[in-house]
Amino acid sequence: MELSEALPLGELAAAFAALPVFPLFDTAYFIVSVLYLKYEPGAVEMSRKSPFASWLCAMLHCFGSYILAGLLLGEAPLEHFSHNSSVVLATAVWYLIFFCPMNLFYKCVSFLPVKLVFVAMKEVVRVRKIAAGVHHAHHLYHHGWFVMMATGWVKGSGVALMSNFEQLLRGVWKPETNELLHMSFPTKASLYGTVLFTLQQTHWLPISEANLIFFFTMFMIVCKVFMTATHSHASPFAPLENLVCPVLFGSVSSGHPGHHHDHHGASHEVSHPPPPPAKSKEELNEGTRKRKAKKAE
């Protein structure tokens, strides 16, 4: 018997999974996505200097996951832009957040209690996108586990994975902010979530898709709302990762910070000029006498 049959919340989970996300939840998703764009340094100035570049960045924040998933699956990257209602809705949100008189719309949606509601609604859309990405990849590549995981991952965190490209549109180049090097909580959660949905699709996880959507959405809502309310960037996965990662992958070695090795095994040492020798007491006194003599002259 499946675990889903023993859960008393099965009917609630099924109704929740069937809940349409357009237009209510999609609007919340667009609002939070464009809010994060406006928080970026220089984003407001760019919207005045180049509204078209600002609009492109906003569309990447709203639809970047669909573009990246289309590229991975060999489909048209702009296919989602054929949904005129979604593009018009996202454009309206962008315009109101950046150009509404007296910033009224921005002040309303960035008010913390209201923003927390939108953040929770955004996580509903994120989990649906992960599930839909895994389901779509499973339909195309029935035994392609890694294809399913890659598609679900980019569907859930495609905007963050494309952040460097989006920065280029704003005239910023910060390769050290690569999301793969410094994963944020949504990126990690999307990765772990897509593993769960892949196991569910391949019948290795005895739970229905509706139940998995419901429980994983509740987990994401609780974590993101708490992190947003407390302005915290600490990952809930950190305690477990701190235990598991050193065992599986080892710890960062700090024995030779000044060395690195190329692909041929040759080591290169960063050379530093030796410090100047310390002057003796007699030399210091001699220098003092010379300065006094020069002043006297």
Foldseek 3Di string as FASTA:
>chain_A
DFPLVVDPCNVVLVVLLPDDCPPPLLLLLLLVLLLVQVPDPPLLVCCVVPVVLSLVLSVCSSQLLQLVLCVLVVHHSCVVVVPVVSSVSSVVSNCLCRPNPPNPVVVVCVPLVNVLVSQLSSLLVLLSQLLVQLVVQCVVPVPPLVNSLVSSLSSNVVSLQCVQVSVVSVVDHDVVSHCVVPPFQSNVLSNVLSNVSSCVSNVNHRHDPSVSSVVSSVVSSVVRSVCSVVVHRDHPCVVVCVVPCCVPPNDDDPPCPQWDADPVGDIDGDDDDDDDDDDDPVVVVVVVVVVVVVVVD
